[in-house]
Amino acid sequence: MRDWDDAFNNMGHVKGSDALPGFWAARAAAYRKGSVRIDSDLSYGDSEREVFDLIWPDTPPAPLGSL
């Protein structure tokens, strides 16, 4: 392998893929504007980058023992 950048550039080899990031962003924004419950920027560490968003299911979560 001589060109690792090319090898991992999947979108560069798929016609029309340049539109995908905008498509994904629009779908995500529409989802967040819906009735979904999201707890944003929950901290799990000392760094300002150590945060996550918790997206709750539409129905009560099942207990782990019932899987």
Protein backbone atom coordinates (compact mmCIF):
# COMPACT_ATOMS: atom_id res chain seq x y z
CA MET A 1 0.00 0.00 0.00
CA ARG A 2 1.51 3.30 -1.05
CA ASP A 3 -1.28 5.80 -0.43
CA TRP A 4 -2.96 5.26 2.93
CA ASP A 5 -4.96 8.50 2.64
CA ASP A 6 -6.57 7.17 -0.53
CA ALA A 7 -7.10 3.74 0.99
CA PHE A 8 -9.15 5.18 3.85
CA ASN A 9 -10.96 7.85 1.80
CA ASN A 10 -14.14 5.87 1.25
CA MET A 11 -16.24 8.93 0.39
CA GLY A 12 -13.77 9.90 -2.31
CA HIS A 13 -14.71 6.72 -4.17
CA VAL A 14 -18.50 6.94 -3.87
CA LYS A 15 -20.37 9.14 -6.31
CA GLY A 16 -22.52 11.77 -4.56
CA SER A 17 -21.04 11.09 -1.13
CA ASP A 18 -20.10 14.75 -0.70
CA ALA A 19 -23.78 15.39 0.08
CA LEU A 20 -23.91 12.83 2.91
CA PRO A 21 -22.54 14.94 5.82
CA GLY A 22 -25.19 17.62 5.19
CA PHE A 23 -27.87 14.96 4.87
CA TRP A 24 -26.80 13.36 8.15
CA ALA A 25 -26.67 16.73 9.94
CA ALA A 26 -30.19 17.65 8.74
CA ARG A 27 -31.61 14.30 9.87
CA ALA A 28 -29.92 14.63 13.27
CA ALA A 29 -31.28 18.15 13.74
CA ALA A 30 -34.80 17.02 12.85
CA TYR A 31 -34.52 14.12 15.29
CA ARG A 32 -33.38 16.40 18.11
CA LYS A 33 -36.30 18.78 17.43
CA GLY A 34 -38.78 15.91 17.80
CA SER A 35 -40.18 14.47 21.00
CA VAL A 36 -37.02 12.58 21.92
CA ARG A 37 -35.64 13.16 25.43
CA ILE A 38 -31.96 14.10 25.39
CA ASP A 39 -29.80 14.95 28.39
CA SER A 40 -26.93 16.90 26.85
CA ASP A 41 -23.36 17.55 27.96
CA LEU A 42 -23.28 15.14 30.89
CA SER A 43 -19.82 15.21 32.43
CA TYR A 44 -17.85 12.03 33.10
CA GLY A 45 -14.46 13.56 33.85
CA ASP A 46 -12.52 16.69 34.67
CA SER A 47 -11.84 17.82 31.10
CA GLU A 48 -14.34 20.04 29.28
CA ARG A 49 -14.22 17.48 26.45
CA GLU A 50 -15.29 14.63 28.74
CA VAL A 51 -19.02 14.95 28.14
CA PHE A 52 -21.67 12.88 26.42
CA ASP A 53 -25.31 13.16 25.38
CA LEU A 54 -27.75 10.57 26.73
CA ILE A 55 -30.62 9.83 24.35
CA TRP A 56 -33.46 8.10 26.15
CA PRO A 57 -35.62 5.41 24.48
CA ASP A 58 -39.24 6.15 23.61
CA THR A 59 -40.39 3.40 26.00
CA PRO A 60 -39.18 2.52 29.48
CA PRO A 61 -35.83 0.71 29.27
CA ALA A 62 -35.97 -3.03 29.87
CA PRO A 63 -34.02 -4.39 32.82
CA LEU A 64 -30.70 -5.95 31.80
CA GLY A 65 -31.78 -9.34 33.14
CA SER A 66 -34.63 -9.53 30.62
CA LEU A 67 -32.40 -9.50 27.53
